[in-house]
Amino acid sequence: MAVAIYAFMTAWGELLFASVLTTEETRTLAVGLRQYAIQTSVYGNQVLDAGAVK
């Protein structure tokens, strides 16, 4: 349980850090997926496909 909490806190910290310090041209994958997911007409399967490693 402690590992899951630590992993969540680390991932959340990375997302907030990248949200503040990146621009439109230099944003990370996590920030880009978050911005894509909060658009008005996005389907969940599109977000999952965009984040899949191929």
PDB file of N, CA and C in Angstrom:
ATOM      1  N   MET A   1       0.821  -1.190   0.000  1.00  0.00           N
ATOM      2  CA  MET A   1       0.000   0.000   0.000  1.00  0.00           C
ATOM      3  C   MET A   1       0.869   1.259   0.000  1.00  0.00           C
ATOM      4  N   ALA A   2       1.934   1.216   0.750  1.00  0.00           N
ATOM      5  CA  ALA A   2       2.817   2.376   0.813  1.00  0.00           C
ATOM      6  C   ALA A   2       3.481   2.643  -0.534  1.00  0.00           C
ATOM      7  N   VAL A   3       3.789   1.578  -1.274  1.00  0.00           N
ATOM      8  CA  VAL A   3       4.403   1.746  -2.591  1.00  0.00           C
ATOM      9  C   VAL A   3       3.423   2.399  -3.555  1.00  0.00           C
ATOM     10  N   ALA A   4       2.159   2.013  -3.489  1.00  0.00           N
ATOM     11  CA  ALA A   4       1.140   2.606  -4.359  1.00  0.00           C
ATOM     12  C   ALA A   4       0.957   4.095  -4.058  1.00  0.00           C
ATOM     13  N   ILE A   5       0.948   4.440  -2.795  1.00  0.00           N
ATOM     14  CA  ILE A   5       0.808   5.853  -2.407  1.00  0.00           C
ATOM     15  C   ILE A   5       2.018   6.646  -2.871  1.00  0.00           C
ATOM     16  N   TYR A   6       3.207   6.086  -2.700  1.00  0.00           N
ATOM     17  CA  TYR A   6       4.421   6.765  -3.140  1.00  0.00           C
ATOM     18  C   TYR A   6       4.442   6.945  -4.659  1.00  0.00           C
ATOM     19  N   ALA A   7       4.027   5.916  -5.397  1.00  0.00           N
ATOM     20  CA  ALA A   7       3.998   5.999  -6.860  1.00  0.00           C
ATOM     21  C   ALA A   7       3.004   7.054  -7.318  1.00  0.00           C
ATOM     22  N   PHE A   8       1.848   7.117  -6.683  1.00  0.00           N
ATOM     23  CA  PHE A   8       0.848   8.125  -7.039  1.00  0.00           C
ATOM     24  C   PHE A   8       1.375   9.531  -6.765  1.00  0.00           C
ATOM     25  N   MET A   9       1.975   9.733  -5.610  1.00  0.00           N
ATOM     26  CA  MET A   9       2.488  11.061  -5.259  1.00  0.00           C
ATOM     27  C   MET A   9       3.604  11.493  -6.204  1.00  0.00           C
ATOM     28  N   THR A  10       4.447  10.573  -6.603  1.00  0.00           N
ATOM     29  CA  THR A  10       5.528  10.887  -7.534  1.00  0.00           C
ATOM     30  C   THR A  10       4.980  11.250  -8.903  1.00  0.00           C
ATOM     31  N   ALA A  11       4.015  10.476  -9.401  1.00  0.00           N
ATOM     32  CA  ALA A  11       3.425  10.760 -10.709  1.00  0.00           C
ATOM     33  C   ALA A  11       2.675  12.080 -10.685  1.00  0.00           C
ATOM     34  N   TRP A  12       1.951  12.358  -9.621  1.00  0.00           N
ATOM     35  CA  TRP A  12       1.207  13.612  -9.519  1.00  0.00           C
ATOM     36  C   TRP A  12       2.163  14.803  -9.450  1.00  0.00           C
ATOM     37  N   GLY A  13       3.242  14.657  -8.722  1.00  0.00           N
ATOM     38  CA  GLY A  13       4.233  15.720  -8.647  1.00  0.00           C
ATOM     39  C   GLY A  13       4.876  15.997  -9.997  1.00  0.00           C
ATOM     40  N   GLU A  14       5.139  14.947 -10.763  1.00  0.00           N
ATOM     41  CA  GLU A  14       5.721  15.121 -12.094  1.00  0.00           C
ATOM     42  C   GLU A  14       4.756  15.847 -13.009  1.00  0.00           C
ATOM     43  N   LEU A  15       3.487  15.518 -12.927  1.00  0.00           N
ATOM     44  CA  LEU A  15       2.479  16.161 -13.772  1.00  0.00           C
ATOM     45  C   LEU A  15       2.361  17.646 -13.428  1.00  0.00           C
ATOM     46  N   LEU A  16       2.307  17.979 -12.164  1.00  0.00           N
ATOM     47  CA  LEU A  16       2.211  19.383 -11.766  1.00  0.00           C
ATOM     48  C   LEU A  16       3.473  20.150 -12.134  1.00  0.00           C
ATOM     49  N   PHE A  17       4.630  19.548 -11.929  1.00  0.00           N
ATOM     50  CA  PHE A  17       5.900  20.182 -12.268  1.00  0.00           C
ATOM     51  C   PHE A  17       5.972  20.466 -13.763  1.00  0.00           C
ATOM     52  N   ALA A  18       5.598  19.486 -14.585  1.00  0.00           N
ATOM     53  CA  ALA A  18       5.649  19.655 -16.037  1.00  0.00           C
ATOM     54  C   ALA A  18       4.585  20.637 -16.521  1.00  0.00           C
ATOM     55  N   SER A  19       3.446  20.706 -15.850  1.00  0.00           N
ATOM     56  CA  SER A  19       2.395  21.642 -16.246  1.00  0.00           C
ATOM     57  C   SER A  19       2.843  23.088 -16.083  1.00  0.00           C
ATOM     58  N   VAL A  20       3.609  23.344 -15.058  1.00  0.00           N
ATOM     59  CA  VAL A  20       4.022  24.706 -14.758  1.00  0.00           C
ATOM     60  C   VAL A  20       5.227  25.125 -15.594  1.00  0.00           C
ATOM     61  N   LEU A  21       6.173  24.224 -15.781  1.00  0.00           N
ATOM     62  CA  LEU A  21       7.443  24.605 -16.375  1.00  0.00           C
ATOM     63  C   LEU A  21       7.582  24.322 -17.872  1.00  0.00           C
ATOM     64  N   THR A  22       6.561  23.805 -18.529  1.00  0.00           N
ATOM     65  CA  THR A  22       6.670  23.545 -19.961  1.00  0.00           C
ATOM     66  C   THR A  22       5.778  24.488 -20.747  1.00  0.00           C
ATOM     67  N   THR A  23       6.143  24.649 -22.011  1.00  0.00           N
ATOM     68  CA  THR A  23       5.333  25.465 -22.917  1.00  0.00           C
ATOM     69  C   THR A  23       4.584  24.550 -23.875  1.00  0.00           C
ATOM     70  N   GLU A  24       3.867  25.129 -24.801  1.00  0.00           N
ATOM     71  CA  GLU A  24       3.110  24.351 -25.781  1.00  0.00           C
ATOM     72  C   GLU A  24       4.039  23.454 -26.612  1.00  0.00           C
ATOM     73  N   GLU A  25       5.232  23.931 -26.914  1.00  0.00           N
ATOM     74  CA  GLU A  25       6.159  23.173 -27.746  1.00  0.00           C
ATOM     75  C   GLU A  25       6.938  22.116 -26.970  1.00  0.00           C
ATOM     76  N   THR A  26       7.106  22.300 -25.672  1.00  0.00           N
ATOM     77  CA  THR A  26       7.963  21.403 -24.899  1.00  0.00           C
ATOM     78  C   THR A  26       7.205  20.577 -23.861  1.00  0.00           C
ATOM     79  N   ARG A  27       5.918  20.471 -23.974  1.00  0.00           N
ATOM     80  CA  ARG A  27       5.169  19.735 -22.951  1.00  0.00           C
ATOM     81  C   ARG A  27       5.433  18.236 -23.030  1.00  0.00           C
ATOM     82  N   THR A  28       5.268  17.579 -21.911  1.00  0.00           N
ATOM     83  CA  THR A  28       5.507  16.149 -21.816  1.00  0.00           C
ATOM     84  C   THR A  28       4.268  15.380 -22.243  1.00  0.00           C
ATOM     85  N   LEU A  29       4.413  14.066 -22.379  1.00  0.00           N
ATOM     86  CA  LEU A  29       3.295  13.223 -22.788  1.00  0.00           C
ATOM     87  C   LEU A  29       2.166  13.284 -21.761  1.00  0.00           C
ATOM     88  N   ALA A  30       2.499  13.268 -20.498  1.00  0.00           N
ATOM     89  CA  ALA A  30       1.463  13.302 -19.458  1.00  0.00           C
ATOM     90  C   ALA A  30       0.640  14.584 -19.519  1.00  0.00           C
ATOM     91  N   VAL A  31       1.302  15.705 -19.725  1.00  0.00           N
ATOM     92  CA  VAL A  31       0.594  16.982 -19.812  1.00  0.00           C
ATOM     93  C   VAL A  31      -0.253  17.032 -21.083  1.00  0.00           C
ATOM     94  N   GLY A  32       0.303  16.544 -22.182  1.00  0.00           N
ATOM     95  CA  GLY A  32      -0.452  16.526 -23.434  1.00  0.00           C
ATOM     96  C   GLY A  32      -1.695  15.660 -23.357  1.00  0.00           C
ATOM     97  N   LEU A  33      -1.593  14.486 -22.718  1.00  0.00           N
ATOM     98  CA  LEU A  33      -2.761  13.619 -22.560  1.00  0.00           C
ATOM     99  C   LEU A  33      -3.802  14.250 -21.643  1.00  0.00           C
ATOM    100  N   ARG A  34      -3.335  14.946 -20.610  1.00  0.00           N
ATOM    101  CA  ARG A  34      -4.283  15.603 -19.716  1.00  0.00           C
ATOM    102  C   ARG A  34      -5.036  16.699 -20.454  1.00  0.00           C
ATOM    103  N   GLN A  35      -4.320  17.493 -21.236  1.00  0.00           N
ATOM    104  CA  GLN A  35      -4.978  18.558 -21.994  1.00  0.00           C
ATOM    105  C   GLN A  35      -5.911  17.984 -23.041  1.00  0.00           C
ATOM    106  N   TYR A  36      -5.534  16.870 -23.657  1.00  0.00           N
ATOM    107  CA  TYR A  36      -6.397  16.227 -24.637  1.00  0.00           C
ATOM    108  C   TYR A  36      -7.645  15.647 -23.980  1.00  0.00           C
ATOM    109  N   ALA A  37      -7.487  15.085 -22.791  1.00  0.00           N
ATOM    110  CA  ALA A  37      -8.601  14.428 -22.112  1.00  0.00           C
ATOM    111  C   ALA A  37      -9.642  15.403 -21.579  1.00  0.00           C
ATOM    112  N   ILE A  38      -9.276  16.671 -21.346  1.00  0.00           N
ATOM    113  CA  ILE A  38     -10.249  17.609 -20.792  1.00  0.00           C
ATOM    114  C   ILE A  38     -10.989  18.392 -21.868  1.00  0.00           C
ATOM    115  N   GLN A  39     -10.741  18.052 -23.146  1.00  0.00           N
ATOM    116  CA  GLN A  39     -11.521  18.662 -24.209  1.00  0.00           C
ATOM    117  C   GLN A  39     -12.964  18.176 -24.110  1.00  0.00           C
ATOM    118  N   THR A  40     -13.880  18.870 -24.755  1.00  0.00           N
ATOM    119  CA  THR A  40     -15.295  18.576 -24.575  1.00  0.00           C
ATOM    120  C   THR A  40     -15.744  17.282 -25.243  1.00  0.00           C
ATOM    121  N   SER A  41     -15.206  16.918 -26.389  1.00  0.00           N
ATOM    122  CA  SER A  41     -15.709  15.737 -27.099  1.00  0.00           C
ATOM    123  C   SER A  41     -14.607  14.712 -27.330  1.00  0.00           C
ATOM    124  N   VAL A  42     -14.067  14.189 -26.250  1.00  0.00           N
ATOM    125  CA  VAL A  42     -13.025  13.177 -26.332  1.00  0.00           C
ATOM    126  C   VAL A  42     -13.574  11.888 -25.743  1.00  0.00           C
ATOM    127  N   TYR A  43     -13.319  10.794 -26.438  1.00  0.00           N
ATOM    128  CA  TYR A  43     -13.743   9.491 -25.949  1.00  0.00           C
ATOM    129  C   TYR A  43     -12.607   8.836 -25.171  1.00  0.00           C
ATOM    130  N   GLY A  44     -12.956   8.064 -24.187  1.00  0.00           N
ATOM    131  CA  GLY A  44     -11.952   7.428 -23.336  1.00  0.00           C
ATOM    132  C   GLY A  44     -11.015   6.515 -24.096  1.00  0.00           C
ATOM    133  N   ASN A  45     -11.527   5.816 -25.111  1.00  0.00           N
ATOM    134  CA  ASN A  45     -10.658   4.919 -25.865  1.00  0.00           C
ATOM    135  C   ASN A  45      -9.601   5.685 -26.647  1.00  0.00           C
ATOM    136  N   GLN A  46      -9.880   6.918 -27.039  1.00  0.00           N
ATOM    137  CA  GLN A  46      -8.880   7.713 -27.747  1.00  0.00           C
ATOM    138  C   GLN A  46      -7.738   8.106 -26.806  1.00  0.00           C
ATOM    139  N   VAL A  47      -8.062   8.426 -25.579  1.00  0.00           N
ATOM    140  CA  VAL A  47      -7.034   8.785 -24.608  1.00  0.00           C
ATOM    141  C   VAL A  47      -6.179   7.569 -24.298  1.00  0.00           C
ATOM    142  N   LEU A  48      -6.805   6.390 -24.131  1.00  0.00           N
ATOM    143  CA  LEU A  48      -6.043   5.183 -23.860  1.00  0.00           C
ATOM    144  C   LEU A  48      -5.157   4.803 -25.036  1.00  0.00           C
ATOM    145  N   ASP A  49      -5.653   4.975 -26.258  1.00  0.00           N
ATOM    146  CA  ASP A  49      -4.832   4.677 -27.436  1.00  0.00           C
ATOM    147  C   ASP A  49      -3.651   5.631 -27.546  1.00  0.00           C
ATOM    148  N   ALA A  50      -3.854   6.886 -27.201  1.00  0.00           N
ATOM    149  CA  ALA A  50      -2.774   7.870 -27.294  1.00  0.00           C
ATOM    150  C   ALA A  50      -1.683   7.585 -26.281  1.00  0.00           C
ATOM    151  N   GLY A  51      -2.021   7.000 -25.156  1.00  0.00           N
ATOM    152  CA  GLY A  51      -1.035   6.719 -24.128  1.00  0.00           C
ATOM    153  C   GLY A  51      -0.405   5.361 -24.216  1.00  0.00           C
ATOM    154  N   ALA A  52      -0.878   4.520 -25.137  1.00  0.00           N
ATOM    155  CA  ALA A  52      -0.345   3.165 -25.255  1.00  0.00           C
ATOM    156  C   ALA A  52       1.035   3.187 -25.899  1.00  0.00           C
ATOM    157  N   VAL A  53       1.898   2.364 -25.381  1.00  0.00           N
ATOM    158  CA  VAL A  53       3.246   2.226 -25.948  1.00  0.00           C
ATOM    159  C   VAL A  53       3.175   1.146 -26.997  1.00  0.00           C
ATOM    160  N   LYS A  54       3.595   1.503 -28.193  1.00  0.00           N
ATOM    161  CA  LYS A  54       3.530   0.508 -29.287  1.00  0.00           C
ATOM    162  C   LYS A  54       4.895   0.105 -29.723  1.00  0.00           C
TER     163      LYS A  54
END
